[in-house]
Amino acid sequence: MKSTVIVLLALFVFASPVLAGELYGTITDGKKPIAAGVKVEIAVSGKSYTAETGKFGSYRIAVKEKGKCTLTVHVGEQSPSVDLFSYDRSTRYDWVLETNDGKLSLRRK
């Protein structure tokens, strides 16, 4: 019994730093997914986390900090940004790229 409690306590102590909010979702351009390999960046508290989109415009980034973040999608020479929030748990954000007067912007799906 004593060893079980020690093992559970050790798992809790060592696992807690690993807990991070994961931000994931898809990015579409109209009704079709954006190309694979597009750089997606999340900035929070002076730190930056990056990933690239997958085959179907999906992204997945683990963010250690909680709170307000900025998501930036680097498409060609344009980099539209939008604010979002990171939590302890995984959160899905799906986005649509829109073009207004030749300028790209993101809106939540």
C-alpha atoms as a PDB file:
ATOM      1  CA  MET A   1       0.000   0.000   0.000  1.00  0.00           C
ATOM      2  CA  LYS A   2       2.785   2.378   0.953  1.00  0.00           C
ATOM      3  CA  SER A   3       4.649   1.751  -2.309  1.00  0.00           C
ATOM      4  CA  THR A   4       1.488   2.398  -4.333  1.00  0.00           C
ATOM      5  CA  VAL A   5       1.027   5.791  -2.690  1.00  0.00           C
ATOM      6  CA  ILE A   6       4.673   6.694  -3.342  1.00  0.00           C
ATOM      7  CA  VAL A   7       4.411   5.666  -7.000  1.00  0.00           C
ATOM      8  CA  LEU A   8       1.200   7.667  -7.502  1.00  0.00           C
ATOM      9  CA  LEU A   9       2.722  10.698  -5.789  1.00  0.00           C
ATOM     10  CA  ALA A  10       5.838  10.462  -7.975  1.00  0.00           C
ATOM     11  CA  LEU A  11       3.726  10.216 -11.129  1.00  0.00           C
ATOM     12  CA  PHE A  12       1.730  13.270 -10.130  1.00  0.00           C
ATOM     13  CA  VAL A  13       4.837  15.345  -9.321  1.00  0.00           C
ATOM     14  CA  PHE A  14       6.688  14.417 -12.511  1.00  0.00           C
ATOM     15  CA  ALA A  15       3.653  14.629 -14.789  1.00  0.00           C
ATOM     16  CA  SER A  16       2.501  18.086 -13.720  1.00  0.00           C
ATOM     17  CA  PRO A  17       5.177  20.014 -15.690  1.00  0.00           C
ATOM     18  CA  VAL A  18       4.182  18.048 -18.783  1.00  0.00           C
ATOM     19  CA  LEU A  19       0.606  19.288 -18.564  1.00  0.00           C
ATOM     20  CA  ALA A  20       0.172  21.899 -21.218  1.00  0.00           C
ATOM     21  CA  GLY A  21      -2.666  23.278 -23.203  1.00  0.00           C
ATOM     22  CA  GLU A  22      -2.814  21.977 -26.714  1.00  0.00           C
ATOM     23  CA  LEU A  23      -4.233  24.209 -29.415  1.00  0.00           C
ATOM     24  CA  TYR A  24      -5.358  22.418 -32.536  1.00  0.00           C
ATOM     25  CA  GLY A  25      -7.757  22.698 -35.419  1.00  0.00           C
ATOM     26  CA  THR A  26      -7.976  23.310 -39.135  1.00  0.00           C
ATOM     27  CA  ILE A  27      -7.425  26.258 -41.435  1.00  0.00           C
ATOM     28  CA  THR A  28      -9.419  26.491 -44.637  1.00  0.00           C
ATOM     29  CA  ASP A  29      -9.385  28.850 -47.593  1.00  0.00           C
ATOM     30  CA  GLY A  30     -13.042  29.052 -48.415  1.00  0.00           C
ATOM     31  CA  LYS A  31     -14.273  25.458 -48.418  1.00  0.00           C
ATOM     32  CA  LYS A  32     -10.932  23.762 -49.117  1.00  0.00           C
ATOM     33  CA  PRO A  33      -8.081  23.195 -46.649  1.00  0.00           C
ATOM     34  CA  ILE A  34      -4.942  25.278 -47.009  1.00  0.00           C
ATOM     35  CA  ALA A  35      -1.826  23.579 -48.350  1.00  0.00           C
ATOM     36  CA  ALA A  36       0.343  21.322 -46.226  1.00  0.00           C
ATOM     37  CA  GLY A  37       3.520  22.872 -44.843  1.00  0.00           C
ATOM     38  CA  VAL A  38       2.142  26.348 -44.077  1.00  0.00           C
ATOM     39  CA  LYS A  39       3.825  27.753 -40.950  1.00  0.00           C
ATOM     40  CA  VAL A  40       1.521  28.367 -37.975  1.00  0.00           C
ATOM     41  CA  GLU A  41       2.890  30.273 -34.987  1.00  0.00           C
ATOM     42  CA  ILE A  42       1.455  30.894 -31.516  1.00  0.00           C
ATOM     43  CA  ALA A  43       2.989  33.661 -29.401  1.00  0.00           C
ATOM     44  CA  VAL A  44       2.300  33.945 -25.667  1.00  0.00           C
ATOM     45  CA  SER A  45       4.188  35.652 -22.843  1.00  0.00           C
ATOM     46  CA  GLY A  46       7.182  36.439 -25.035  1.00  0.00           C
ATOM     47  CA  LYS A  47       7.523  32.823 -26.200  1.00  0.00           C
ATOM     48  CA  SER A  48       6.761  31.429 -29.621  1.00  0.00           C
ATOM     49  CA  TYR A  49       5.598  27.932 -30.616  1.00  0.00           C
ATOM     50  CA  THR A  50       5.471  26.848 -34.259  1.00  0.00           C
ATOM     51  CA  ALA A  51       4.141  24.009 -36.369  1.00  0.00           C
ATOM     52  CA  GLU A  52       3.243  23.368 -39.983  1.00  0.00           C
ATOM     53  CA  THR A  53      -0.141  22.481 -41.373  1.00  0.00           C
ATOM     54  CA  GLY A  54      -0.851  18.890 -42.305  1.00  0.00           C
ATOM     55  CA  LYS A  55      -2.340  17.398 -45.446  1.00  0.00           C
ATOM     56  CA  PHE A  56      -5.860  18.614 -44.636  1.00  0.00           C
ATOM     57  CA  GLY A  57      -4.952  22.062 -43.269  1.00  0.00           C
ATOM     58  CA  SER A  58      -4.703  20.803 -39.692  1.00  0.00           C
ATOM     59  CA  TYR A  59      -2.353  22.116 -37.026  1.00  0.00           C
ATOM     60  CA  ARG A  60      -1.484  21.019 -33.476  1.00  0.00           C
ATOM     61  CA  ILE A  61       0.682  23.016 -31.048  1.00  0.00           C
ATOM     62  CA  ALA A  62       1.344  22.368 -27.341  1.00  0.00           C
ATOM     63  CA  VAL A  63       1.538  25.628 -25.388  1.00  0.00           C
ATOM     64  CA  LYS A  64       2.886  25.576 -21.830  1.00  0.00           C
ATOM     65  CA  GLU A  65       1.501  28.955 -20.783  1.00  0.00           C
ATOM     66  CA  LYS A  66      -2.146  29.746 -20.135  1.00  0.00           C
ATOM     67  CA  GLY A  67      -3.866  32.915 -21.228  1.00  0.00           C
ATOM     68  CA  LYS A  68      -4.214  35.176 -24.222  1.00  0.00           C
ATOM     69  CA  CYS A  69      -2.181  34.131 -27.278  1.00  0.00           C
ATOM     70  CA  THR A  70      -1.731  35.323 -30.829  1.00  0.00           C
ATOM     71  CA  LEU A  71      -1.997  32.847 -33.687  1.00  0.00           C
ATOM     72  CA  THR A  72      -0.245  33.851 -36.918  1.00  0.00           C
ATOM     73  CA  VAL A  73      -0.497  31.970 -40.202  1.00  0.00           C
ATOM     74  CA  HIS A  74       2.371  32.640 -42.629  1.00  0.00           C
ATOM     75  CA  VAL A  75       0.869  32.367 -46.125  1.00  0.00           C
ATOM     76  CA  GLY A  76       3.196  33.543 -48.859  1.00  0.00           C
ATOM     77  CA  GLU A  77       4.221  37.100 -48.019  1.00  0.00           C
ATOM     78  CA  GLN A  78       1.203  37.746 -45.790  1.00  0.00           C
ATOM     79  CA  SER A  79       0.829  36.790 -42.131  1.00  0.00           C
ATOM     80  CA  PRO A  80      -2.689  37.291 -40.792  1.00  0.00           C
ATOM     81  CA  SER A  81      -3.017  37.091 -36.993  1.00  0.00           C
ATOM     82  CA  VAL A  82      -5.822  36.585 -34.507  1.00  0.00           C
ATOM     83  CA  ASP A  83      -6.086  36.441 -30.703  1.00  0.00           C
ATOM     84  CA  LEU A  84      -7.146  33.277 -28.885  1.00  0.00           C
ATOM     85  CA  PHE A  85      -6.785  31.682 -25.442  1.00  0.00           C
ATOM     86  CA  SER A  86      -4.719  28.774 -24.146  1.00  0.00           C
ATOM     87  CA  TYR A  87      -6.052  26.650 -21.278  1.00  0.00           C
ATOM     88  CA  ASP A  88      -4.844  23.635 -19.280  1.00  0.00           C
ATOM     89  CA  ARG A  89      -6.856  21.378 -21.544  1.00  0.00           C
ATOM     90  CA  SER A  90      -6.828  20.882 -25.301  1.00  0.00           C
ATOM     91  CA  THR A  91      -8.839  23.452 -27.195  1.00  0.00           C
ATOM     92  CA  ARG A  92      -9.951  23.339 -30.816  1.00  0.00           C
ATOM     93  CA  TYR A  93      -9.889  26.443 -32.982  1.00  0.00           C
ATOM     94  CA  ASP A  94     -10.947  26.170 -36.631  1.00  0.00           C
ATOM     95  CA  TRP A  95     -10.162  29.139 -38.882  1.00  0.00           C
ATOM     96  CA  VAL A  96     -11.133  30.418 -42.324  1.00  0.00           C
ATOM     97  CA  LEU A  97      -8.760  32.547 -44.411  1.00  0.00           C
ATOM     98  CA  GLU A  98     -10.570  35.407 -46.101  1.00  0.00           C
ATOM     99  CA  THR A  99      -9.323  37.945 -48.637  1.00  0.00           C
ATOM    100  CA  ASN A 100     -10.591  41.519 -48.393  1.00  0.00           C
ATOM    101  CA  ASP A 101      -9.083  44.123 -50.763  1.00  0.00           C
ATOM    102  CA  GLY A 102      -6.104  41.822 -51.404  1.00  0.00           C
ATOM    103  CA  LYS A 103      -5.337  41.418 -47.707  1.00  0.00           C
ATOM    104  CA  LEU A 104      -5.683  38.095 -45.864  1.00  0.00           C
ATOM    105  CA  SER A 105      -7.486  37.824 -42.546  1.00  0.00           C
ATOM    106  CA  LEU A 106      -8.574  34.985 -40.247  1.00  0.00           C
ATOM    107  CA  ARG A 107     -12.012  34.443 -38.841  1.00  0.00           C
ATOM    108  CA  ARG A 108     -13.216  31.689 -36.550  1.00  0.00           C
ATOM    109  CA  LYS A 109     -15.288  29.028 -38.263  1.00  0.00           C
END
